[in-house]
Amino acid sequence: MAKVCFVPAQGTLAAYLTGEIDHHAAQALRREIDAQIDARMPELLTMDFSGVTFMDSSGVGLILGRGRQMSGLGGRLVVQNAPNTVRRMLDLAHIHYV
């Protein structure tokens, strides 16, 4: 099961994800992340995948949806610290990461 821990800062919200991101986990993560975005209205959302052990296409949808949400708010999304298994999925989806 995937989990997310949030670290807010001035204009920034960092979301540290852990575990396996599949269809069911992605739905729960989406609700949690969206609630934090709505409450904090950050200019930058950073999604850190260093603790993710597995991700399927549902994780890609999670990222793309949060990117659209941040763009709609005039902000941006940064994906960082993706393990090699997750990087392959990000590369296939043409999602940039640092």
PDB file of N, CA and C in Angstrom:
ATOM      1  N   MET A   1       0.841  -1.187   0.000  1.00  0.00           N
ATOM      2  CA  MET A   1       0.000   0.000   0.000  1.00  0.00           C
ATOM      3  C   MET A   1       0.885   1.249   0.000  1.00  0.00           C
ATOM      4  N   ALA A   2       0.510   2.216  -0.797  1.00  0.00           N
ATOM      5  CA  ALA A   2       1.271   3.458  -0.901  1.00  0.00           C
ATOM      6  C   ALA A   2       0.821   4.452   0.167  1.00  0.00           C
ATOM      7  N   LYS A   3       1.749   5.299   0.550  1.00  0.00           N
ATOM      8  CA  LYS A   3       1.463   6.361   1.513  1.00  0.00           C
ATOM      9  C   LYS A   3       2.093   7.646   1.015  1.00  0.00           C
ATOM     10  N   VAL A   4       1.621   8.767   1.549  1.00  0.00           N
ATOM     11  CA  VAL A   4       2.202  10.059   1.215  1.00  0.00           C
ATOM     12  C   VAL A   4       2.339  10.878   2.485  1.00  0.00           C
ATOM     13  N   CYS A   5       3.477  11.549   2.594  1.00  0.00           N
ATOM     14  CA  CYS A   5       3.763  12.438   3.720  1.00  0.00           C
ATOM     15  C   CYS A   5       4.016  13.818   3.132  1.00  0.00           C
ATOM     16  N   PHE A   6       3.419  14.834   3.719  1.00  0.00           N
ATOM     17  CA  PHE A   6       3.536  16.189   3.182  1.00  0.00           C
ATOM     18  C   PHE A   6       4.437  17.059   4.044  1.00  0.00           C
ATOM     19  N   VAL A   7       5.239  17.884   3.363  1.00  0.00           N
ATOM     20  CA  VAL A   7       6.068  18.880   4.034  1.00  0.00           C
ATOM     21  C   VAL A   7       5.800  20.218   3.349  1.00  0.00           C
ATOM     22  N   PRO A   8       4.974  21.061   3.967  1.00  0.00           N
ATOM     23  CA  PRO A   8       4.692  22.364   3.371  1.00  0.00           C
ATOM     24  C   PRO A   8       5.776  23.374   3.739  1.00  0.00           C
ATOM     25  N   ALA A   9       5.987  24.314   2.838  1.00  0.00           N
ATOM     26  CA  ALA A   9       6.902  25.433   3.079  1.00  0.00           C
ATOM     27  C   ALA A   9       6.311  26.646   2.366  1.00  0.00           C
ATOM     28  N   GLN A  10       6.982  27.750   2.438  1.00  0.00           N
ATOM     29  CA  GLN A  10       6.498  28.992   1.818  1.00  0.00           C
ATOM     30  C   GLN A  10       6.283  28.783   0.317  1.00  0.00           C
ATOM     31  N   GLY A  11       5.031  28.701  -0.113  1.00  0.00           N
ATOM     32  CA  GLY A  11       4.707  28.587  -1.531  1.00  0.00           C
ATOM     33  C   GLY A  11       4.978  27.225  -2.135  1.00  0.00           C
ATOM     34  N   THR A  12       5.426  26.275  -1.328  1.00  0.00           N
ATOM     35  CA  THR A  12       5.803  24.963  -1.826  1.00  0.00           C
ATOM     36  C   THR A  12       5.132  23.874  -1.004  1.00  0.00           C
ATOM     37  N   LEU A  13       4.777  22.793  -1.688  1.00  0.00           N
ATOM     38  CA  LEU A  13       4.269  21.614  -1.006  1.00  0.00           C
ATOM     39  C   LEU A  13       5.044  20.413  -1.529  1.00  0.00           C
ATOM     40  N   ALA A  14       5.742  19.730  -0.641  1.00  0.00           N
ATOM     41  CA  ALA A  14       6.470  18.520  -1.012  1.00  0.00           C
ATOM     42  C   ALA A  14       5.646  17.313  -0.588  1.00  0.00           C
ATOM     43  N   ALA A  15       5.460  16.376  -1.513  1.00  0.00           N
ATOM     44  CA  ALA A  15       4.727  15.141  -1.244  1.00  0.00           C
ATOM     45  C   ALA A  15       5.710  13.985  -1.405  1.00  0.00           C
ATOM     46  N   TYR A  16       6.016  13.306  -0.302  1.00  0.00           N
ATOM     47  CA  TYR A  16       6.942  12.171  -0.305  1.00  0.00           C
ATOM     48  C   TYR A  16       6.127  10.889  -0.359  1.00  0.00           C
ATOM     49  N   LEU A  17       6.234  10.182  -1.484  1.00  0.00           N
ATOM     50  CA  LEU A  17       5.448   8.977  -1.689  1.00  0.00           C
ATOM     51  C   LEU A  17       6.276   7.736  -1.368  1.00  0.00           C
ATOM     52  N   THR A  18       5.604   6.721  -0.808  1.00  0.00           N
ATOM     53  CA  THR A  18       6.268   5.456  -0.496  1.00  0.00           C
ATOM     54  C   THR A  18       5.341   4.302  -0.859  1.00  0.00           C
ATOM     55  N   GLY A  19       5.941   3.147  -1.093  1.00  0.00           N
ATOM     56  CA  GLY A  19       5.177   1.931  -1.345  1.00  0.00           C
ATOM     57  C   GLY A  19       4.898   1.686  -2.811  1.00  0.00           C
ATOM     58  N   GLU A  20       3.846   0.904  -3.065  1.00  0.00           N
ATOM     59  CA  GLU A  20       3.468   0.511  -4.418  1.00  0.00           C
ATOM     60  C   GLU A  20       2.279   1.347  -4.897  1.00  0.00           C
ATOM     61  N   ILE A  21       2.447   1.975  -6.057  1.00  0.00           N
ATOM     62  CA  ILE A  21       1.383   2.809  -6.614  1.00  0.00           C
ATOM     63  C   ILE A  21       0.707   2.038  -7.739  1.00  0.00           C
ATOM     64  N   ASP A  22      -0.464   1.482  -7.420  1.00  0.00           N
ATOM     65  CA  ASP A  22      -1.295   0.812  -8.407  1.00  0.00           C
ATOM     66  C   ASP A  22      -2.626   1.562  -8.493  1.00  0.00           C
ATOM     67  N   HIS A  23      -3.603   0.968  -9.146  1.00  0.00           N
ATOM     68  CA  HIS A  23      -4.883   1.653  -9.366  1.00  0.00           C
ATOM     69  C   HIS A  23      -5.527   2.119  -8.062  1.00  0.00           C
ATOM     70  N   HIS A  24      -5.643   1.231  -7.103  1.00  0.00           N
ATOM     71  CA  HIS A  24      -6.316   1.587  -5.849  1.00  0.00           C
ATOM     72  C   HIS A  24      -5.512   2.609  -5.050  1.00  0.00           C
ATOM     73  N   ALA A  25      -4.213   2.412  -4.976  1.00  0.00           N
ATOM     74  CA  ALA A  25      -3.366   3.348  -4.236  1.00  0.00           C
ATOM     75  C   ALA A  25      -3.383   4.722  -4.891  1.00  0.00           C
ATOM     76  N   ALA A  26      -3.369   4.767  -6.219  1.00  0.00           N
ATOM     77  CA  ALA A  26      -3.349   6.049  -6.930  1.00  0.00           C
ATOM     78  C   ALA A  26      -4.601   6.859  -6.622  1.00  0.00           C
ATOM     79  N   GLN A  27      -5.750   6.201  -6.515  1.00  0.00           N
ATOM     80  CA  GLN A  27      -6.986   6.914  -6.194  1.00  0.00           C
ATOM     81  C   GLN A  27      -6.901   7.568  -4.815  1.00  0.00           C
ATOM     82  N   ALA A  28      -6.417   6.820  -3.842  1.00  0.00           N
ATOM     83  CA  ALA A  28      -6.296   7.360  -2.483  1.00  0.00           C
ATOM     84  C   ALA A  28      -5.270   8.484  -2.433  1.00  0.00           C
ATOM     85  N   LEU A  29      -4.141   8.293  -3.113  1.00  0.00           N
ATOM     86  CA  LEU A  29      -3.106   9.328  -3.143  1.00  0.00           C
ATOM     87  C   LEU A  29      -3.633  10.593  -3.795  1.00  0.00           C
ATOM     88  N   ARG A  30      -4.372  10.436  -4.876  1.00  0.00           N
ATOM     89  CA  ARG A  30      -4.936  11.589  -5.577  1.00  0.00           C
ATOM     90  C   ARG A  30      -5.817  12.410  -4.638  1.00  0.00           C
ATOM     91  N   ARG A  31      -6.674  11.730  -3.906  1.00  0.00           N
ATOM     92  CA  ARG A  31      -7.561  12.451  -2.979  1.00  0.00           C
ATOM     93  C   ARG A  31      -6.758  13.203  -1.920  1.00  0.00           C
ATOM     94  N   GLU A  32      -5.738  12.549  -1.365  1.00  0.00           N
ATOM     95  CA  GLU A  32      -4.922  13.194  -0.324  1.00  0.00           C
ATOM     96  C   GLU A  32      -4.147  14.388  -0.872  1.00  0.00           C
ATOM     97  N   ILE A  33      -3.520  14.196  -2.031  1.00  0.00           N
ATOM     98  CA  ILE A  33      -2.713  15.275  -2.616  1.00  0.00           C
ATOM     99  C   ILE A  33      -3.604  16.437  -3.041  1.00  0.00           C
ATOM    100  N   ASP A  34      -4.738  16.129  -3.677  1.00  0.00           N
ATOM    101  CA  ASP A  34      -5.653  17.187  -4.103  1.00  0.00           C
ATOM    102  C   ASP A  34      -6.157  17.999  -2.911  1.00  0.00           C
ATOM    103  N   ALA A  35      -6.457  17.333  -1.810  1.00  0.00           N
ATOM    104  CA  ALA A  35      -6.927  18.039  -0.619  1.00  0.00           C
ATOM    105  C   ALA A  35      -5.863  19.001  -0.098  1.00  0.00           C
ATOM    106  N   GLN A  36      -4.609  18.576  -0.126  1.00  0.00           N
ATOM    107  CA  GLN A  36      -3.520  19.438   0.334  1.00  0.00           C
ATOM    108  C   GLN A  36      -3.310  20.611  -0.626  1.00  0.00           C
ATOM    109  N   ILE A  37      -3.415  20.356  -1.924  1.00  0.00           N
ATOM    110  CA  ILE A  37      -3.279  21.439  -2.908  1.00  0.00           C
ATOM    111  C   ILE A  37      -4.395  22.464  -2.700  1.00  0.00           C
ATOM    112  N   ASP A  38      -5.621  21.980  -2.540  1.00  0.00           N
ATOM    113  CA  ASP A  38      -6.762  22.879  -2.344  1.00  0.00           C
ATOM    114  C   ASP A  38      -6.608  23.698  -1.060  1.00  0.00           C
ATOM    115  N   ALA A  39      -6.084  23.085  -0.013  1.00  0.00           N
ATOM    116  CA  ALA A  39      -5.952  23.770   1.278  1.00  0.00           C
ATOM    117  C   ALA A  39      -4.794  24.763   1.281  1.00  0.00           C
ATOM    118  N   ARG A  40      -3.716  24.448   0.584  1.00  0.00           N
ATOM    119  CA  ARG A  40      -2.491  25.260   0.680  1.00  0.00           C
ATOM    120  C   ARG A  40      -2.212  26.132  -0.542  1.00  0.00           C
ATOM    121  N   MET A  41      -2.793  25.782  -1.684  1.00  0.00           N
ATOM    122  CA  MET A  41      -2.596  26.540  -2.933  1.00  0.00           C
ATOM    123  C   MET A  41      -1.118  26.856  -3.196  1.00  0.00           C
ATOM    124  N   PRO A  42      -0.266  25.833  -3.269  1.00  0.00           N
ATOM    125  CA  PRO A  42       1.166  26.086  -3.464  1.00  0.00           C
ATOM    126  C   PRO A  42       1.469  26.553  -4.887  1.00  0.00           C
ATOM    127  N   GLU A  43       2.575  27.249  -5.035  1.00  0.00           N
ATOM    128  CA  GLU A  43       3.064  27.623  -6.360  1.00  0.00           C
ATOM    129  C   GLU A  43       3.845  26.474  -6.977  1.00  0.00           C
ATOM    130  N   LEU A  44       4.412  25.628  -6.109  1.00  0.00           N
ATOM    131  CA  LEU A  44       5.212  24.489  -6.554  1.00  0.00           C
ATOM    132  C   LEU A  44       4.807  23.252  -5.767  1.00  0.00           C
ATOM    133  N   LEU A  45       4.486  22.181  -6.494  1.00  0.00           N
ATOM    134  CA  LEU A  45       4.256  20.876  -5.885  1.00  0.00           C
ATOM    135  C   LEU A  45       5.413  19.987  -6.283  1.00  0.00           C
ATOM    136  N   THR A  46       6.111  19.447  -5.301  1.00  0.00           N
ATOM    137  CA  THR A  46       7.191  18.505  -5.561  1.00  0.00           C
ATOM    138  C   THR A  46       6.729  17.124  -5.145  1.00  0.00           C
ATOM    139  N   MET A  47       6.756  16.191  -6.085  1.00  0.00           N
ATOM    140  CA  MET A  47       6.410  14.802  -5.784  1.00  0.00           C
ATOM    141  C   MET A  47       7.703  13.998  -5.763  1.00  0.00           C
ATOM    142  N   ASP A  48       8.041  13.474  -4.597  1.00  0.00           N
ATOM    143  CA  ASP A  48       9.281  12.732  -4.409  1.00  0.00           C
ATOM    144  C   ASP A  48       8.963  11.230  -4.398  1.00  0.00           C
ATOM    145  N   PHE A  49       9.562  10.503  -5.331  1.00  0.00           N
ATOM    146  CA  PHE A  49       9.274   9.081  -5.504  1.00  0.00           C
ATOM    147  C   PHE A  49      10.360   8.176  -4.937  1.00  0.00           C
ATOM    148  N   SER A  50      11.248   8.711  -4.113  1.00  0.00           N
ATOM    149  CA  SER A  50      12.374   7.909  -3.615  1.00  0.00           C
ATOM    150  C   SER A  50      11.935   6.675  -2.842  1.00  0.00           C
ATOM    151  N   GLY A  51      10.761   6.696  -2.226  1.00  0.00           N
ATOM    152  CA  GLY A  51      10.290   5.560  -1.455  1.00  0.00           C
ATOM    153  C   GLY A  51       9.334   4.645  -2.202  1.00  0.00           C
ATOM    154  N   VAL A  52       9.151   4.880  -3.502  1.00  0.00           N
ATOM    155  CA  VAL A  52       8.214   4.079  -4.288  1.00  0.00           C
ATOM    156  C   VAL A  52       8.921   2.824  -4.801  1.00  0.00           C
ATOM    157  N   THR A  53       8.321   1.666  -4.530  1.00  0.00           N
ATOM    158  CA  THR A  53       8.922   0.391  -4.926  1.00  0.00           C
ATOM    159  C   THR A  53       8.324  -0.166  -6.203  1.00  0.00           C
ATOM    160  N   PHE A  54       7.135   0.305  -6.587  1.00  0.00           N
ATOM    161  CA  PHE A  54       6.465  -0.154  -7.804  1.00  0.00           C
ATOM    162  C   PHE A  54       5.489   0.926  -8.245  1.00  0.00           C
ATOM    163  N   MET A  55       5.366   1.096  -9.567  1.00  0.00           N
ATOM    164  CA  MET A  55       4.385   2.033 -10.090  1.00  0.00           C
ATOM    165  C   MET A  55       3.929   1.545 -11.456  1.00  0.00           C
ATOM    166  N   ASP A  56       2.610   1.492 -11.663  1.00  0.00           N
ATOM    167  CA  ASP A  56       2.085   1.156 -12.978  1.00  0.00           C
ATOM    168  C   ASP A  56       1.539   2.424 -13.635  1.00  0.00           C
ATOM    169  N   SER A  57       0.759   2.258 -14.684  1.00  0.00           N
ATOM    170  CA  SER A  57       0.268   3.424 -15.428  1.00  0.00           C
ATOM    171  C   SER A  57      -0.651   4.311 -14.576  1.00  0.00           C
ATOM    172  N   SER A  58      -1.205   3.772 -13.502  1.00  0.00           N
ATOM    173  CA  SER A  58      -2.021   4.599 -12.609  1.00  0.00           C
ATOM    174  C   SER A  58      -1.187   5.704 -11.973  1.00  0.00           C
ATOM    175  N   GLY A  59       0.080   5.418 -11.707  1.00  0.00           N
ATOM    176  CA  GLY A  59       0.990   6.422 -11.168  1.00  0.00           C
ATOM    177  C   GLY A  59       1.257   7.521 -12.177  1.00  0.00           C
ATOM    178  N   VAL A  60       1.355   7.133 -13.441  1.00  0.00           N
ATOM    179  CA  VAL A  60       1.533   8.123 -14.508  1.00  0.00           C
ATOM    180  C   VAL A  60       0.320   9.047 -14.536  1.00  0.00           C
ATOM    181  N   GLY A  61      -0.872   8.473 -14.451  1.00  0.00           N
ATOM    182  CA  GLY A  61      -2.091   9.281 -14.418  1.00  0.00           C
ATOM    183  C   GLY A  61      -2.129  10.200 -13.213  1.00  0.00           C
ATOM    184  N   LEU A  62      -1.651   9.711 -12.082  1.00  0.00           N
ATOM    185  CA  LEU A  62      -1.580  10.523 -10.872  1.00  0.00           C
ATOM    186  C   LEU A  62      -0.704  11.754 -11.100  1.00  0.00           C
ATOM    187  N   ILE A  63       0.453  11.546 -11.706  1.00  0.00           N
ATOM    188  CA  ILE A  63       1.379  12.647 -11.972  1.00  0.00           C
ATOM    189  C   ILE A  63       0.785  13.632 -12.977  1.00  0.00           C
ATOM    190  N   LEU A  64       0.270  13.112 -14.090  1.00  0.00           N
ATOM    191  CA  LEU A  64      -0.270  13.991 -15.128  1.00  0.00           C
ATOM    192  C   LEU A  64      -1.442  14.817 -14.607  1.00  0.00           C
ATOM    193  N   GLY A  65      -2.304  14.201 -13.816  1.00  0.00           N
ATOM    194  CA  GLY A  65      -3.440  14.923 -13.258  1.00  0.00           C
ATOM    195  C   GLY A  65      -3.024  16.024 -12.302  1.00  0.00           C
ATOM    196  N   ARG A  66      -2.019  15.747 -11.469  1.00  0.00           N
ATOM    197  CA  ARG A  66      -1.543  16.781 -10.545  1.00  0.00           C
ATOM    198  C   ARG A  66      -0.845  17.893 -11.321  1.00  0.00           C
ATOM    199  N   GLY A  67      -0.157  17.529 -12.400  1.00  0.00           N
ATOM    200  CA  GLY A  67       0.467  18.549 -13.240  1.00  0.00           C
ATOM    201  C   GLY A  67      -0.561  19.482 -13.853  1.00  0.00           C
ATOM    202  N   ARG A  68      -1.669  18.913 -14.342  1.00  0.00           N
ATOM    203  CA  ARG A  68      -2.754  19.739 -14.905  1.00  0.00           C
ATOM    204  C   ARG A  68      -3.372  20.614 -13.818  1.00  0.00           C
ATOM    205  N   GLN A  69      -3.556  20.043 -12.641  1.00  0.00           N
ATOM    206  CA  GLN A  69      -4.149  20.810 -11.544  1.00  0.00           C
ATOM    207  C   GLN A  69      -3.254  21.988 -11.176  1.00  0.00           C
ATOM    208  N   MET A  70      -1.950  21.749 -11.052  1.00  0.00           N
ATOM    209  CA  MET A  70      -1.028  22.821 -10.698  1.00  0.00           C
ATOM    210  C   MET A  70      -0.959  23.875 -11.799  1.00  0.00           C
ATOM    211  N   SER A  71      -0.965  23.433 -13.039  1.00  0.00           N
ATOM    212  CA  SER A  71      -0.944  24.367 -14.157  1.00  0.00           C
ATOM    213  C   SER A  71      -2.190  25.253 -14.142  1.00  0.00           C
ATOM    214  N   GLY A  72      -3.334  24.665 -13.834  1.00  0.00           N
ATOM    215  CA  GLY A  72      -4.574  25.423 -13.754  1.00  0.00           C
ATOM    216  C   GLY A  72      -4.555  26.471 -12.653  1.00  0.00           C
ATOM    217  N   LEU A  73      -3.737  26.240 -11.636  1.00  0.00           N
ATOM    218  CA  LEU A  73      -3.594  27.201 -10.533  1.00  0.00           C
ATOM    219  C   LEU A  73      -2.468  28.200 -10.790  1.00  0.00           C
ATOM    220  N   GLY A  74      -1.817  28.076 -11.944  1.00  0.00           N
ATOM    221  CA  GLY A  74      -0.697  28.953 -12.249  1.00  0.00           C
ATOM    222  C   GLY A  74       0.601  28.497 -11.611  1.00  0.00           C
ATOM    223  N   GLY A  75       0.632  27.258 -11.131  1.00  0.00           N
ATOM    224  CA  GLY A  75       1.826  26.707 -10.486  1.00  0.00           C
ATOM    225  C   GLY A  75       2.488  25.661 -11.356  1.00  0.00           C
ATOM    226  N   ARG A  76       3.389  24.915 -10.746  1.00  0.00           N
ATOM    227  CA  ARG A  76       4.069  23.869 -11.498  1.00  0.00           C
ATOM    228  C   ARG A  76       4.341  22.663 -10.605  1.00  0.00           C
ATOM    229  N   LEU A  77       4.653  21.565 -11.272  1.00  0.00           N
ATOM    230  CA  LEU A  77       4.924  20.293 -10.625  1.00  0.00           C
ATOM    231  C   LEU A  77       6.335  19.853 -10.965  1.00  0.00           C
ATOM    232  N   VAL A  78       7.060  19.346  -9.964  1.00  0.00           N
ATOM    233  CA  VAL A  78       8.368  18.753 -10.187  1.00  0.00           C
ATOM    234  C   VAL A  78       8.331  17.331  -9.646  1.00  0.00           C
ATOM    235  N   VAL A  79       8.762  16.384 -10.460  1.00  0.00           N
ATOM    236  CA  VAL A  79       8.886  14.978 -10.053  1.00  0.00           C
ATOM    237  C   VAL A  79      10.358  14.731  -9.796  1.00  0.00           C
ATOM    238  N   GLN A  80      10.668  14.157  -8.619  1.00  0.00           N
ATOM    239  CA  GLN A  80      12.090  13.972  -8.282  1.00  0.00           C
ATOM    240  C   GLN A  80      12.343  12.628  -7.610  1.00  0.00           C
ATOM    241  N   ASN A  81      13.609  12.240  -7.624  1.00  0.00           N
ATOM    242  CA  ASN A  81      14.131  11.068  -6.917  1.00  0.00           C
ATOM    243  C   ASN A  81      13.418   9.771  -7.274  1.00  0.00           C
ATOM    244  N   ALA A  82      13.130   9.599  -8.547  1.00  0.00           N
ATOM    245  CA  ALA A  82      12.469   8.369  -8.984  1.00  0.00           C
ATOM    246  C   ALA A  82      13.478   7.236  -9.086  1.00  0.00           C
ATOM    247  N   PRO A  83      13.191   6.079  -8.480  1.00  0.00           N
ATOM    248  CA  PRO A  83      14.058   4.912  -8.643  1.00  0.00           C
ATOM    249  C   PRO A  83      14.034   4.436 -10.098  1.00  0.00           C
ATOM    250  N   ASN A  84      14.986   3.613 -10.479  1.00  0.00           N
ATOM    251  CA  ASN A  84      15.094   3.159 -11.871  1.00  0.00           C
ATOM    252  C   ASN A  84      13.819   2.527 -12.396  1.00  0.00           C
ATOM    253  N   THR A  85      13.139   1.730 -11.588  1.00  0.00           N
ATOM    254  CA  THR A  85      11.910   1.083 -12.058  1.00  0.00           C
ATOM    255  C   THR A  85      10.834   2.111 -12.383  1.00  0.00           C
ATOM    256  N   VAL A  86      10.765   3.169 -11.613  1.00  0.00           N
ATOM    257  CA  VAL A  86       9.794   4.233 -11.861  1.00  0.00           C
ATOM    258  C   VAL A  86      10.253   5.097 -13.033  1.00  0.00           C
ATOM    259  N   ARG A  87      11.550   5.316 -13.154  1.00  0.00           N
ATOM    260  CA  ARG A  87      12.076   6.140 -14.264  1.00  0.00           C
ATOM    261  C   ARG A  87      11.699   5.553 -15.610  1.00  0.00           C
ATOM    262  N   ARG A  88      11.718   4.230 -15.735  1.00  0.00           N
ATOM    263  CA  ARG A  88      11.344   3.609 -17.005  1.00  0.00           C
ATOM    264  C   ARG A  88       9.915   3.989 -17.386  1.00  0.00           C
ATOM    265  N   MET A  89       9.026   3.958 -16.411  1.00  0.00           N
ATOM    266  CA  MET A  89       7.626   4.320 -16.665  1.00  0.00           C
ATOM    267  C   MET A  89       7.520   5.805 -17.018  1.00  0.00           C
ATOM    268  N   LEU A  90       8.268   6.656 -16.320  1.00  0.00           N
ATOM    269  CA  LEU A  90       8.243   8.095 -16.601  1.00  0.00           C
ATOM    270  C   LEU A  90       8.792   8.378 -17.995  1.00  0.00           C
ATOM    271  N   ASP A  91       9.856   7.681 -18.374  1.00  0.00           N
ATOM    272  CA  ASP A  91      10.427   7.871 -19.715  1.00  0.00           C
ATOM    273  C   ASP A  91       9.437   7.490 -20.798  1.00  0.00           C
ATOM    274  N   LEU A  92       8.745   6.369 -20.608  1.00  0.00           N
ATOM    275  CA  LEU A  92       7.757   5.937 -21.585  1.00  0.00           C
ATOM    276  C   LEU A  92       6.620   6.950 -21.729  1.00  0.00           C
ATOM    277  N   ALA A  93       6.274   7.613 -20.646  1.00  0.00           N
ATOM    278  CA  ALA A  93       5.193   8.602 -20.652  1.00  0.00           C
ATOM    279  C   ALA A  93       5.688  10.011 -20.983  1.00  0.00           C
ATOM    280  N   HIS A  94       6.988  10.156 -21.220  1.00  0.00           N
ATOM    281  CA  HIS A  94       7.598  11.458 -21.521  1.00  0.00           C
ATOM    282  C   HIS A  94       7.373  12.465 -20.392  1.00  0.00           C
ATOM    283  N   ILE A  95       7.488  11.990 -19.166  1.00  0.00           N
ATOM    284  CA  ILE A  95       7.382  12.854 -17.995  1.00  0.00           C
ATOM    285  C   ILE A  95       8.789  13.190 -17.537  1.00  0.00           C
ATOM    286  N   HIS A  96       9.085  14.475 -17.433  1.00  0.00           N
ATOM    287  CA  HIS A  96      10.405  14.926 -17.004  1.00  0.00           C
ATOM    288  C   HIS A  96      10.540  14.804 -15.495  1.00  0.00           C
ATOM    289  N   TYR A  97      11.735  14.488 -15.044  1.00  0.00           N
ATOM    290  CA  TYR A  97      12.009  14.347 -13.609  1.00  0.00           C
ATOM    291  C   TYR A  97      13.414  14.829 -13.328  1.00  0.00           C
ATOM    292  N   VAL A  98      13.671  15.115 -12.060  1.00  0.00           N
ATOM    293  CA  VAL A  98      15.007  15.542 -11.634  1.00  0.00           C
ATOM    294  C   VAL A  98      15.532  14.583 -10.594  1.00  0.00           C
TER     295      VAL A  98
END
